[in-house]
Amino acid sequence: TEQTQFMADVDQLAQRFNLRGDQLAMIIRQVDALAAIQQQVQVA
């Protein structure tokens, strides 16, 4: 989750699987944001 390590991990996955790292990062961040919103809604 830490930004520097996150980007290093995403870059490694992008190279390993020959995929778009920017898209993978966006997907992970979007899922994290949705989870945070769902958690706040549940708490409320």
PDB file of all heavy atoms in Angstrom:
ATOM      1  N   THR A   1       0.818  -1.223   0.000  1.00  0.00           N
ATOM      2  CA  THR A   1       0.000   0.000   0.000  1.00  0.00           C
ATOM      3  C   THR A   1       0.848   1.268   0.000  1.00  0.00           C
ATOM      4  O   THR A   1       0.412   2.294  -0.500  1.00  0.00           O
ATOM      5  CB  THR A   1      -0.954   0.017   1.201  1.00  0.00           C
ATOM      6  OG1 THR A   1      -0.193  -0.131   2.388  1.00  0.00           O
ATOM      7  CG2 THR A   1      -1.978  -1.094   1.106  1.00  0.00           C
ATOM      8  N   GLU A   2       2.055   1.213   0.555  1.00  0.00           N
ATOM      9  CA  GLU A   2       2.932   2.388   0.593  1.00  0.00           C
ATOM     10  C   GLU A   2       3.297   2.764  -0.851  1.00  0.00           C
ATOM     11  O   GLU A   2       3.675   1.900  -1.650  1.00  0.00           O
ATOM     12  CB  GLU A   2       4.168   2.049   1.432  1.00  0.00           C
ATOM     13  CG  GLU A   2       5.078   3.232   1.712  1.00  0.00           C
ATOM     14  CD  GLU A   2       6.119   3.427   0.638  1.00  0.00           C
ATOM     15  OE1 GLU A   2       6.704   2.430   0.191  1.00  0.00           O
ATOM     16  OE2 GLU A   2       6.327   4.579   0.237  1.00  0.00           O
ATOM     17  N   GLN A   3       3.191   4.053  -1.195  1.00  0.00           N
ATOM     18  CA  GLN A   3       3.254   4.513  -2.585  1.00  0.00           C
ATOM     19  C   GLN A   3       4.507   4.066  -3.336  1.00  0.00           C
ATOM     20  O   GLN A   3       4.404   3.563  -4.452  1.00  0.00           O
ATOM     21  CB  GLN A   3       3.116   6.041  -2.639  1.00  0.00           C
ATOM     22  CG  GLN A   3       3.062   6.606  -4.040  1.00  0.00           C
ATOM     23  CD  GLN A   3       1.873   6.136  -4.859  1.00  0.00           C
ATOM     24  OE1 GLN A   3       0.843   5.735  -4.337  1.00  0.00           O
ATOM     25  NE2 GLN A   3       2.001   6.171  -6.167  1.00  0.00           N
ATOM     26  N   THR A   4       5.678   4.234  -2.755  1.00  0.00           N
ATOM     27  CA  THR A   4       6.909   3.884  -3.461  1.00  0.00           C
ATOM     28  C   THR A   4       6.963   2.385  -3.744  1.00  0.00           C
ATOM     29  O   THR A   4       7.249   1.963  -4.875  1.00  0.00           O
ATOM     30  CB  THR A   4       8.148   4.315  -2.648  1.00  0.00           C
ATOM     31  OG1 THR A   4       8.039   5.712  -2.385  1.00  0.00           O
ATOM     32  CG2 THR A   4       9.421   4.022  -3.400  1.00  0.00           C
ATOM     33  N   GLN A   5       6.672   1.583  -2.737  1.00  0.00           N
ATOM     34  CA  GLN A   5       6.686   0.130  -2.929  1.00  0.00           C
ATOM     35  C   GLN A   5       5.540  -0.308  -3.832  1.00  0.00           C
ATOM     36  O   GLN A   5       5.696  -1.230  -4.638  1.00  0.00           O
ATOM     37  CB  GLN A   5       6.608  -0.597  -1.586  1.00  0.00           C
ATOM     38  CG  GLN A   5       6.805  -2.086  -1.703  1.00  0.00           C
ATOM     39  CD  GLN A   5       8.154  -2.465  -2.294  1.00  0.00           C
ATOM     40  OE1 GLN A   5       9.196  -1.962  -1.859  1.00  0.00           O
ATOM     41  NE2 GLN A   5       8.165  -3.347  -3.276  1.00  0.00           N
ATOM     42  N   PHE A   6       4.403   0.359  -3.730  1.00  0.00           N
ATOM     43  CA  PHE A   6       3.254   0.059  -4.591  1.00  0.00           C
ATOM     44  C   PHE A   6       3.662   0.173  -6.056  1.00  0.00           C
ATOM     45  O   PHE A   6       3.423  -0.736  -6.850  1.00  0.00           O
ATOM     46  CB  PHE A   6       2.096   1.014  -4.272  1.00  0.00           C
ATOM     47  CG  PHE A   6       0.922   0.883  -5.195  1.00  0.00           C
ATOM     48  CD1 PHE A   6      -0.028  -0.112  -5.005  1.00  0.00           C
ATOM     49  CD2 PHE A   6       0.748   1.762  -6.255  1.00  0.00           C
ATOM     50  CE1 PHE A   6      -1.119  -0.234  -5.856  1.00  0.00           C
ATOM     51  CE2 PHE A   6      -0.339   1.650  -7.111  1.00  0.00           C
ATOM     52  CZ  PHE A   6      -1.275   0.651  -6.909  1.00  0.00           C
ATOM     53  N   MET A   7       4.278   1.297  -6.407  1.00  0.00           N
ATOM     54  CA  MET A   7       4.667   1.498  -7.804  1.00  0.00           C
ATOM     55  C   MET A   7       5.725   0.497  -8.246  1.00  0.00           C
ATOM     56  O   MET A   7       5.681   0.009  -9.376  1.00  0.00           O
ATOM     57  CB  MET A   7       5.147   2.941  -8.022  1.00  0.00           C
ATOM     58  CG  MET A   7       4.009   3.962  -7.909  1.00  0.00           C
ATOM     59  SD  MET A   7       2.525   3.556  -8.893  1.00  0.00           S
ATOM     60  CE  MET A   7       3.157   3.546 -10.550  1.00  0.00           C
ATOM     61  N   ALA A   8       6.652   0.158  -7.357  1.00  0.00           N
ATOM     62  CA  ALA A   8       7.665  -0.852  -7.702  1.00  0.00           C
ATOM     63  C   ALA A   8       7.002  -2.207  -7.939  1.00  0.00           C
ATOM     64  O   ALA A   8       7.349  -2.916  -8.897  1.00  0.00           O
ATOM     65  CB  ALA A   8       8.716  -0.948  -6.597  1.00  0.00           C
ATOM     66  N   ASP A   9       6.047  -2.557  -7.085  1.00  0.00           N
ATOM     67  CA  ASP A   9       5.329  -3.833  -7.248  1.00  0.00           C
ATOM     68  C   ASP A   9       4.533  -3.851  -8.547  1.00  0.00           C
ATOM     69  O   ASP A   9       4.531  -4.843  -9.278  1.00  0.00           O
ATOM     70  CB  ASP A   9       4.399  -4.080  -6.062  1.00  0.00           C
ATOM     71  CG  ASP A   9       5.117  -4.408  -4.764  1.00  0.00           C
ATOM     72  OD1 ASP A   9       6.346  -4.644  -4.797  1.00  0.00           O
ATOM     73  OD2 ASP A   9       4.440  -4.415  -3.713  1.00  0.00           O
ATOM     74  N   VAL A  10       3.840  -2.758  -8.833  1.00  0.00           N
ATOM     75  CA  VAL A  10       3.040  -2.675 -10.064  1.00  0.00           C
ATOM     76  C   VAL A  10       3.949  -2.764 -11.284  1.00  0.00           C
ATOM     77  O   VAL A  10       3.646  -3.484 -12.247  1.00  0.00           O
ATOM     78  CB  VAL A  10       2.182  -1.386 -10.089  1.00  0.00           C
ATOM     79  CG1 VAL A  10       1.590  -1.142 -11.469  1.00  0.00           C
ATOM     80  CG2 VAL A  10       1.073  -1.468  -9.038  1.00  0.00           C
ATOM     81  N   ASP A  11       5.071  -2.052 -11.254  1.00  0.00           N
ATOM     82  CA  ASP A  11       6.020  -2.110 -12.377  1.00  0.00           C
ATOM     83  C   ASP A  11       6.535  -3.529 -12.598  1.00  0.00           C
ATOM     84  O   ASP A  11       6.651  -3.989 -13.735  1.00  0.00           O
ATOM     85  CB  ASP A  11       7.195  -1.159 -12.149  1.00  0.00           C
ATOM     86  CG  ASP A  11       6.802   0.305 -12.297  1.00  0.00           C
ATOM     87  OD1 ASP A  11       5.727   0.593 -12.873  1.00  0.00           O
ATOM     88  OD2 ASP A  11       7.572   1.164 -11.816  1.00  0.00           O
ATOM     89  N   GLN A  12       6.837  -4.219 -11.508  1.00  0.00           N
ATOM     90  CA  GLN A  12       7.329  -5.599 -11.620  1.00  0.00           C
ATOM     91  C   GLN A  12       6.259  -6.497 -12.247  1.00  0.00           C
ATOM     92  O   GLN A  12       6.567  -7.309 -13.126  1.00  0.00           O
ATOM     93  CB  GLN A  12       7.716  -6.125 -10.244  1.00  0.00           C
ATOM     94  CG  GLN A  12       8.329  -7.492 -10.282  1.00  0.00           C
ATOM     95  CD  GLN A  12       8.766  -7.972  -8.907  1.00  0.00           C
ATOM     96  OE1 GLN A  12       8.486  -7.351  -7.894  1.00  0.00           O
ATOM     97  NE2 GLN A  12       9.439  -9.108  -8.877  1.00  0.00           N
ATOM     98  N   LEU A  13       5.008  -6.337 -11.818  1.00  0.00           N
ATOM     99  CA  LEU A  13       3.918  -7.130 -12.402  1.00  0.00           C
ATOM    100  C   LEU A  13       3.713  -6.781 -13.874  1.00  0.00           C
ATOM    101  O   LEU A  13       3.482  -7.672 -14.701  1.00  0.00           O
ATOM    102  CB  LEU A  13       2.622  -6.906 -11.613  1.00  0.00           C
ATOM    103  CG  LEU A  13       2.605  -7.506 -10.216  1.00  0.00           C
ATOM    104  CD1 LEU A  13       1.436  -6.939  -9.406  1.00  0.00           C
ATOM    105  CD2 LEU A  13       2.521  -9.020 -10.285  1.00  0.00           C
ATOM    106  N   ALA A  14       3.805  -5.499 -14.195  1.00  0.00           N
ATOM    107  CA  ALA A  14       3.629  -5.063 -15.587  1.00  0.00           C
ATOM    108  C   ALA A  14       4.693  -5.682 -16.484  1.00  0.00           C
ATOM    109  O   ALA A  14       4.390  -6.139 -17.592  1.00  0.00           O
ATOM    110  CB  ALA A  14       3.680  -3.540 -15.661  1.00  0.00           C
ATOM    111  N   GLN A  15       5.923  -5.725 -15.999  1.00  0.00           N
ATOM    112  CA  GLN A  15       7.001  -6.333 -16.791  1.00  0.00           C
ATOM    113  C   GLN A  15       6.825  -7.842 -16.902  1.00  0.00           C
ATOM    114  O   GLN A  15       6.992  -8.416 -17.973  1.00  0.00           O
ATOM    115  CB  GLN A  15       8.354  -6.006 -16.167  1.00  0.00           C
ATOM    116  CG  GLN A  15       8.736  -4.555 -16.329  1.00  0.00           C
ATOM    117  CD  GLN A  15      10.032  -4.220 -15.613  1.00  0.00           C
ATOM    118  OE1 GLN A  15      10.758  -5.099 -15.165  1.00  0.00           O
ATOM    119  NE2 GLN A  15      10.322  -2.930 -15.512  1.00  0.00           N
ATOM    120  N   ARG A  16       6.470  -8.472 -15.780  1.00  0.00           N
ATOM    121  CA  ARG A  16       6.337  -9.934 -15.750  1.00  0.00           C
ATOM    122  C   ARG A  16       5.250 -10.424 -16.698  1.00  0.00           C
ATOM    123  O   ARG A  16       5.405 -11.424 -17.387  1.00  0.00           O
ATOM    124  CB  ARG A  16       6.046 -10.385 -14.308  1.00  0.00           C
ATOM    125  CG  ARG A  16       5.583 -11.822 -14.150  1.00  0.00           C
ATOM    126  CD  ARG A  16       6.724 -12.805 -14.408  1.00  0.00           C
ATOM    127  NE  ARG A  16       6.334 -14.162 -14.152  1.00  0.00           N
ATOM    128  CZ  ARG A  16       5.871 -15.007 -15.074  1.00  0.00           C
ATOM    129  NH1 ARG A  16       5.727 -14.636 -16.310  1.00  0.00           N
ATOM    130  NH2 ARG A  16       5.555 -16.240 -14.748  1.00  0.00           N
ATOM    131  N   PHE A  17       4.112  -9.697 -16.702  1.00  0.00           N
ATOM    132  CA  PHE A  17       2.968 -10.157 -17.495  1.00  0.00           C
ATOM    133  C   PHE A  17       2.725  -9.322 -18.748  1.00  0.00           C
ATOM    134  O   PHE A  17       1.708  -9.491 -19.415  1.00  0.00           O
ATOM    135  CB  PHE A  17       1.707 -10.175 -16.620  1.00  0.00           C
ATOM    136  CG  PHE A  17       1.799 -11.188 -15.519  1.00  0.00           C
ATOM    137  CD1 PHE A  17       2.042 -10.787 -14.209  1.00  0.00           C
ATOM    138  CD2 PHE A  17       1.676 -12.539 -15.776  1.00  0.00           C
ATOM    139  CE1 PHE A  17       2.140 -11.714 -13.180  1.00  0.00           C
ATOM    140  CE2 PHE A  17       1.773 -13.480 -14.762  1.00  0.00           C
ATOM    141  CZ  PHE A  17       2.017 -13.057 -13.460  1.00  0.00           C
ATOM    142  N   ASN A  18       3.672  -8.420 -19.039  1.00  0.00           N
ATOM    143  CA  ASN A  18       3.563  -7.587 -20.234  1.00  0.00           C
ATOM    144  C   ASN A  18       2.188  -6.916 -20.320  1.00  0.00           C
ATOM    145  O   ASN A  18       1.449  -7.090 -21.287  1.00  0.00           O
ATOM    146  CB  ASN A  18       3.854  -8.417 -21.488  1.00  0.00           C
ATOM    147  CG  ASN A  18       4.100  -7.541 -22.695  1.00  0.00           C
ATOM    148  OD1 ASN A  18       4.607  -6.428 -22.558  1.00  0.00           O
ATOM    149  ND2 ASN A  18       3.737  -8.033 -23.862  1.00  0.00           N
ATOM    150  N   LEU A  19       1.872  -6.176 -19.267  1.00  0.00           N
ATOM    151  CA  LEU A  19       0.583  -5.488 -19.222  1.00  0.00           C
ATOM    152  C   LEU A  19       0.788  -4.020 -18.888  1.00  0.00           C
ATOM    153  O   LEU A  19       1.897  -3.587 -18.573  1.00  0.00           O
ATOM    154  CB  LEU A  19      -0.351  -6.156 -18.198  1.00  0.00           C
ATOM    155  CG  LEU A  19       0.113  -6.291 -16.753  1.00  0.00           C
ATOM    156  CD1 LEU A  19      -0.114  -5.033 -15.955  1.00  0.00           C
ATOM    157  CD2 LEU A  19      -0.607  -7.451 -16.102  1.00  0.00           C
ATOM    158  N   ARG A  20      -0.269  -3.272 -18.971  1.00  0.00           N
ATOM    159  CA  ARG A  20      -0.221  -1.830 -18.689  1.00  0.00           C
ATOM    160  C   ARG A  20      -0.226  -1.601 -17.177  1.00  0.00           C
ATOM    161  O   ARG A  20      -1.254  -1.750 -16.530  1.00  0.00           O
ATOM    162  CB  ARG A  20      -1.407  -1.127 -19.335  1.00  0.00           C
ATOM    163  CG  ARG A  20      -1.306  -1.083 -20.849  1.00  0.00           C
ATOM    164  CD  ARG A  20      -2.343  -0.208 -21.474  1.00  0.00           C
ATOM    165  NE  ARG A  20      -2.359   1.114 -20.849  1.00  0.00           N
ATOM    166  CZ  ARG A  20      -3.341   1.985 -21.044  1.00  0.00           C
ATOM    167  NH1 ARG A  20      -4.353   1.686 -21.810  1.00  0.00           N
ATOM    168  NH2 ARG A  20      -3.295   3.169 -20.451  1.00  0.00           N
ATOM    169  N   GLY A  21       0.910  -1.187 -16.656  1.00  0.00           N
ATOM    170  CA  GLY A  21       1.026  -0.923 -15.232  1.00  0.00           C
ATOM    171  C   GLY A  21       0.148   0.220 -14.771  1.00  0.00           C
ATOM    172  O   GLY A  21      -0.408   0.179 -13.666  1.00  0.00           O
ATOM    173  N   ASP A  22      -0.021   1.246 -15.619  1.00  0.00           N
ATOM    174  CA  ASP A  22      -0.870   2.370 -15.235  1.00  0.00           C
ATOM    175  C   ASP A  22      -2.314   1.910 -15.035  1.00  0.00           C
ATOM    176  O   ASP A  22      -2.990   2.342 -14.096  1.00  0.00           O
ATOM    177  CB  ASP A  22      -0.786   3.505 -16.251  1.00  0.00           C
ATOM    178  CG  ASP A  22      -1.247   3.095 -17.651  1.00  0.00           C
ATOM    179  OD1 ASP A  22      -1.148   1.893 -18.016  1.00  0.00           O
ATOM    180  OD2 ASP A  22      -1.690   3.986 -18.406  1.00  0.00           O
ATOM    181  N   GLN A  23      -2.771   1.012 -15.881  1.00  0.00           N
ATOM    182  CA  GLN A  23      -4.134   0.492 -15.748  1.00  0.00           C
ATOM    183  C   GLN A  23      -4.268  -0.380 -14.501  1.00  0.00           C
ATOM    184  O   GLN A  23      -5.272  -0.301 -13.793  1.00  0.00           O
ATOM    185  CB  GLN A  23      -4.534  -0.296 -16.989  1.00  0.00           C
ATOM    186  CG  GLN A  23      -4.828   0.558 -18.198  1.00  0.00           C
ATOM    187  CD  GLN A  23      -6.029   1.459 -17.955  1.00  0.00           C
ATOM    188  OE1 GLN A  23      -5.889   2.639 -17.682  1.00  0.00           O
ATOM    189  NE2 GLN A  23      -7.214   0.911 -18.053  1.00  0.00           N
ATOM    190  N   LEU A  24      -3.272  -1.203 -14.240  1.00  0.00           N
ATOM    191  CA  LEU A  24      -3.317  -2.044 -13.054  1.00  0.00           C
ATOM    192  C   LEU A  24      -3.331  -1.183 -11.797  1.00  0.00           C
ATOM    193  O   LEU A  24      -4.121  -1.434 -10.881  1.00  0.00           O
ATOM    194  CB  LEU A  24      -2.129  -3.013 -13.025  1.00  0.00           C
ATOM    195  CG  LEU A  24      -2.067  -3.945 -11.818  1.00  0.00           C
ATOM    196  CD1 LEU A  24      -3.325  -4.826 -11.729  1.00  0.00           C
ATOM    197  CD2 LEU A  24      -0.810  -4.803 -11.871  1.00  0.00           C
ATOM    198  N   ALA A  25      -2.499  -0.156 -11.754  1.00  0.00           N
ATOM    199  CA  ALA A  25      -2.478   0.756 -10.602  1.00  0.00           C
ATOM    200  C   ALA A  25      -3.838   1.429 -10.426  1.00  0.00           C
ATOM    201  O   ALA A  25      -4.355   1.528  -9.305  1.00  0.00           O
ATOM    202  CB  ALA A  25      -1.380   1.800 -10.783  1.00  0.00           C
ATOM    203  N   MET A  26      -4.438   1.882 -11.526  1.00  0.00           N
ATOM    204  CA  MET A  26      -5.748   2.534 -11.468  1.00  0.00           C
ATOM    205  C   MET A  26      -6.811   1.566 -10.945  1.00  0.00           C
ATOM    206  O   MET A  26      -7.651   1.942 -10.123  1.00  0.00           O
ATOM    207  CB  MET A  26      -6.124   3.052 -12.862  1.00  0.00           C
ATOM    208  CG  MET A  26      -7.436   3.823 -12.918  1.00  0.00           C
ATOM    209  SD  MET A  26      -8.963   2.858 -13.213  1.00  0.00           S
ATOM    210  CE  MET A  26      -8.579   1.865 -14.600  1.00  0.00           C
ATOM    211  N   ILE A  27      -6.768   0.332 -11.389  1.00  0.00           N
ATOM    212  CA  ILE A  27      -7.738  -0.676 -10.949  1.00  0.00           C
ATOM    213  C   ILE A  27      -7.615  -0.906  -9.441  1.00  0.00           C
ATOM    214  O   ILE A  27      -8.613  -0.905  -8.717  1.00  0.00           O
ATOM    215  CB  ILE A  27      -7.546  -1.994 -11.733  1.00  0.00           C
ATOM    216  CG1 ILE A  27      -8.045  -1.828 -13.160  1.00  0.00           C
ATOM    217  CG2 ILE A  27      -8.225  -3.165 -11.029  1.00  0.00           C
ATOM    218  CD1 ILE A  27      -7.663  -2.945 -14.100  1.00  0.00           C
ATOM    219  N   ILE A  28      -6.388  -1.074  -8.977  1.00  0.00           N
ATOM    220  CA  ILE A  28      -6.170  -1.322  -7.549  1.00  0.00           C
ATOM    221  C   ILE A  28      -6.639  -0.132  -6.727  1.00  0.00           C
ATOM    222  O   ILE A  28      -7.337  -0.299  -5.716  1.00  0.00           O
ATOM    223  CB  ILE A  28      -4.684  -1.639  -7.273  1.00  0.00           C
ATOM    224  CG1 ILE A  28      -4.293  -2.951  -7.951  1.00  0.00           C
ATOM    225  CG2 ILE A  28      -4.424  -1.712  -5.764  1.00  0.00           C
ATOM    226  CD1 ILE A  28      -2.793  -3.193  -8.014  1.00  0.00           C
ATOM    227  N   ARG A  29      -6.285   1.068  -7.141  1.00  0.00           N
ATOM    228  CA  ARG A  29      -6.687   2.275  -6.395  1.00  0.00           C
ATOM    229  C   ARG A  29      -8.195   2.466  -6.415  1.00  0.00           C
ATOM    230  O   ARG A  29      -8.788   2.878  -5.415  1.00  0.00           O
ATOM    231  CB  ARG A  29      -5.973   3.510  -6.943  1.00  0.00           C
ATOM    232  CG  ARG A  29      -4.467   3.503  -6.723  1.00  0.00           C
ATOM    233  CD  ARG A  29      -4.128   3.421  -5.260  1.00  0.00           C
ATOM    234  NE  ARG A  29      -2.707   3.674  -5.025  1.00  0.00           N
ATOM    235  CZ  ARG A  29      -2.028   3.184  -4.023  1.00  0.00           C
ATOM    236  NH1 ARG A  29      -2.603   2.389  -3.151  1.00  0.00           N
ATOM    237  NH2 ARG A  29      -0.766   3.473  -3.875  1.00  0.00           N
ATOM    238  N   GLN A  30      -8.838   2.161  -7.537  1.00  0.00           N
ATOM    239  CA  GLN A  30     -10.296   2.293  -7.600  1.00  0.00           C
ATOM    240  C   GLN A  30     -10.963   1.301  -6.647  1.00  0.00           C
ATOM    241  O   GLN A  30     -11.896   1.650  -5.928  1.00  0.00           O
ATOM    242  CB  GLN A  30     -10.819   2.072  -9.020  1.00  0.00           C
ATOM    243  CG  GLN A  30     -12.330   2.246  -9.100  1.00  0.00           C
ATOM    244  CD  GLN A  30     -12.879   2.056 -10.500  1.00  0.00           C
ATOM    245  OE1 GLN A  30     -12.158   2.142 -11.482  1.00  0.00           O
ATOM    246  NE2 GLN A  30     -14.159   1.807 -10.596  1.00  0.00           N
ATOM    247  N   VAL A  31     -10.481   0.074  -6.620  1.00  0.00           N
ATOM    248  CA  VAL A  31     -11.039  -0.937  -5.720  1.00  0.00           C
ATOM    249  C   VAL A  31     -10.819  -0.525  -4.260  1.00  0.00           C
ATOM    250  O   VAL A  31     -11.723  -0.655  -3.433  1.00  0.00           O
ATOM    251  CB  VAL A  31     -10.449  -2.336  -6.023  1.00  0.00           C
ATOM    252  CG1 VAL A  31     -10.787  -3.333  -4.925  1.00  0.00           C
ATOM    253  CG2 VAL A  31     -10.955  -2.826  -7.371  1.00  0.00           C
ATOM    254  N   ASP A  32      -9.640   0.015  -3.963  1.00  0.00           N
ATOM    255  CA  ASP A  32      -9.369   0.490  -2.603  1.00  0.00           C
ATOM    256  C   ASP A  32     -10.321   1.622  -2.221  1.00  0.00           C
ATOM    257  O   ASP A  32     -10.828   1.666  -1.096  1.00  0.00           O
ATOM    258  CB  ASP A  32      -7.920   0.968  -2.472  1.00  0.00           C
ATOM    259  CG  ASP A  32      -6.921  -0.168  -2.465  1.00  0.00           C
ATOM    260  OD1 ASP A  32      -7.333  -1.345  -2.313  1.00  0.00           O
ATOM    261  OD2 ASP A  32      -5.711   0.117  -2.614  1.00  0.00           O
ATOM    262  N   ALA A  33     -10.562   2.540  -3.153  1.00  0.00           N
ATOM    263  CA  ALA A  33     -11.470   3.658  -2.882  1.00  0.00           C
ATOM    264  C   ALA A  33     -12.899   3.157  -2.656  1.00  0.00           C
ATOM    265  O   ALA A  33     -13.585   3.612  -1.731  1.00  0.00           O
ATOM    266  CB  ALA A  33     -11.430   4.657  -4.035  1.00  0.00           C
ATOM    267  N   LEU A  34     -13.340   2.228  -3.478  1.00  0.00           N
ATOM    268  CA  LEU A  34     -14.679   1.665  -3.299  1.00  0.00           C
ATOM    269  C   LEU A  34     -14.814   0.957  -1.958  1.00  0.00           C
ATOM    270  O   LEU A  34     -15.829   1.085  -1.278  1.00  0.00           O
ATOM    271  CB  LEU A  34     -15.010   0.700  -4.436  1.00  0.00           C
ATOM    272  CG  LEU A  34     -15.295   1.323  -5.793  1.00  0.00           C
ATOM    273  CD1 LEU A  34     -15.436   0.243  -6.865  1.00  0.00           C
ATOM    274  CD2 LEU A  34     -16.537   2.191  -5.751  1.00  0.00           C
ATOM    275  N   ALA A  35     -13.778   0.243  -1.558  1.00  0.00           N
ATOM    276  CA  ALA A  35     -13.799  -0.452  -0.267  1.00  0.00           C
ATOM    277  C   ALA A  35     -13.870   0.548   0.877  1.00  0.00           C
ATOM    278  O   ALA A  35     -14.599   0.332   1.855  1.00  0.00           O
ATOM    279  CB  ALA A  35     -12.578  -1.349  -0.127  1.00  0.00           C
ATOM    280  N   ALA A  36     -13.128   1.657   0.769  1.00  0.00           N
ATOM    281  CA  ALA A  36     -13.155   2.679   1.816  1.00  0.00           C
ATOM    282  C   ALA A  36     -14.535   3.319   1.913  1.00  0.00           C
ATOM    283  O   ALA A  36     -15.051   3.540   3.017  1.00  0.00           O
ATOM    284  CB  ALA A  36     -12.089   3.742   1.542  1.00  0.00           C
ATOM    285  N   ILE A  37     -15.148   3.580   0.776  1.00  0.00           N
ATOM    286  CA  ILE A  37     -16.498   4.156   0.768  1.00  0.00           C
ATOM    287  C   ILE A  37     -17.494   3.176   1.366  1.00  0.00           C
ATOM    288  O   ILE A  37     -18.333   3.550   2.187  1.00  0.00           O
ATOM    289  CB  ILE A  37     -16.905   4.561  -0.667  1.00  0.00           C
ATOM    290  CG1 ILE A  37     -16.076   5.758  -1.126  1.00  0.00           C
ATOM    291  CG2 ILE A  37     -18.395   4.868  -0.748  1.00  0.00           C
ATOM    292  CD1 ILE A  37     -16.190   6.060  -2.605  1.00  0.00           C
ATOM    293  N   GLN A  38     -17.404   1.912   0.975  1.00  0.00           N
ATOM    294  CA  GLN A  38     -18.313   0.906   1.524  1.00  0.00           C
ATOM    295  C   GLN A  38     -18.145   0.783   3.030  1.00  0.00           C
ATOM    296  O   GLN A  38     -19.123   0.638   3.756  1.00  0.00           O
ATOM    297  CB  GLN A  38     -18.080  -0.448   0.854  1.00  0.00           C
ATOM    298  CG  GLN A  38     -18.567  -0.495  -0.573  1.00  0.00           C
ATOM    299  CD  GLN A  38     -18.161  -1.772  -1.290  1.00  0.00           C
ATOM    300  OE1 GLN A  38     -17.198  -2.433  -0.920  1.00  0.00           O
ATOM    301  NE2 GLN A  38     -18.887  -2.103  -2.339  1.00  0.00           N
ATOM    302  N   GLN A  39     -16.918   0.874   3.503  1.00  0.00           N
ATOM    303  CA  GLN A  39     -16.676   0.783   4.943  1.00  0.00           C
ATOM    304  C   GLN A  39     -17.290   1.982   5.661  1.00  0.00           C
ATOM    305  O   GLN A  39     -17.920   1.824   6.710  1.00  0.00           O
ATOM    306  CB  GLN A  39     -15.181   0.709   5.225  1.00  0.00           C
ATOM    307  CG  GLN A  39     -14.866   0.529   6.692  1.00  0.00           C
ATOM    308  CD  GLN A  39     -13.371   0.395   6.944  1.00  0.00           C
ATOM    309  OE1 GLN A  39     -12.564   0.607   6.052  1.00  0.00           O
ATOM    310  NE2 GLN A  39     -13.019   0.060   8.155  1.00  0.00           N
ATOM    311  N   GLN A  40     -17.151   3.176   5.103  1.00  0.00           N
ATOM    312  CA  GLN A  40     -17.735   4.365   5.723  1.00  0.00           C
ATOM    313  C   GLN A  40     -19.254   4.286   5.719  1.00  0.00           C
ATOM    314  O   GLN A  40     -19.900   4.670   6.693  1.00  0.00           O
ATOM    315  CB  GLN A  40     -17.262   5.631   5.020  1.00  0.00           C
ATOM    316  CG  GLN A  40     -15.823   5.953   5.328  1.00  0.00           C
ATOM    317  CD  GLN A  40     -15.375   7.247   4.684  1.00  0.00           C
ATOM    318  OE1 GLN A  40     -16.067   7.817   3.841  1.00  0.00           O
ATOM    319  NE2 GLN A  40     -14.207   7.719   5.071  1.00  0.00           N
ATOM    320  N   VAL A  41     -19.823   3.809   4.640  1.00  0.00           N
ATOM    321  CA  VAL A  41     -21.281   3.650   4.572  1.00  0.00           C
ATOM    322  C   VAL A  41     -21.740   2.646   5.619  1.00  0.00           C
ATOM    323  O   VAL A  41     -22.737   2.863   6.307  1.00  0.00           O
ATOM    324  CB  VAL A  41     -21.726   3.230   3.153  1.00  0.00           C
ATOM    325  CG1 VAL A  41     -23.166   2.761   3.131  1.00  0.00           C
ATOM    326  CG2 VAL A  41     -21.506   4.378   2.178  1.00  0.00           C
ATOM    327  N   GLN A  42     -21.002   1.550   5.768  1.00  0.00           N
ATOM    328  CA  GLN A  42     -21.368   0.533   6.752  1.00  0.00           C
ATOM    329  C   GLN A  42     -21.300   1.093   8.165  1.00  0.00           C
ATOM    330  O   GLN A  42     -22.186   0.846   8.984  1.00  0.00           O
ATOM    331  CB  GLN A  42     -20.469  -0.695   6.631  1.00  0.00           C
ATOM    332  CG  GLN A  42     -20.891  -1.851   7.521  1.00  0.00           C
ATOM    333  CD  GLN A  42     -22.277  -2.374   7.182  1.00  0.00           C
ATOM    334  OE1 GLN A  42     -22.599  -2.592   6.024  1.00  0.00           O
ATOM    335  NE2 GLN A  42     -23.104  -2.566   8.186  1.00  0.00           N
ATOM    336  N   VAL A  43     -20.246   1.863   8.457  1.00  0.00           N
ATOM    337  CA  VAL A  43     -20.116   2.477   9.780  1.00  0.00           C
ATOM    338  C   VAL A  43     -21.286   3.426  10.025  1.00  0.00           C
ATOM    339  O   VAL A  43     -21.892   3.419  11.101  1.00  0.00           O
ATOM    340  CB  VAL A  43     -18.756   3.204   9.922  1.00  0.00           C
ATOM    341  CG1 VAL A  43     -18.732   4.111  11.141  1.00  0.00           C
ATOM    342  CG2 VAL A  43     -17.627   2.188   9.984  1.00  0.00           C
ATOM    343  N   ALA A  44     -21.618   4.233   9.026  1.00  0.00           N
ATOM    344  CA  ALA A  44     -22.744   5.168   9.168  1.00  0.00           C
ATOM    345  C   ALA A  44     -24.054   4.408   9.343  1.00  0.00           C
ATOM    346  O   ALA A  44     -24.884   4.775  10.173  1.00  0.00           O
ATOM    347  CB  ALA A  44     -22.816   6.084   7.946  1.00  0.00           C
TER     348      ALA A  44
END
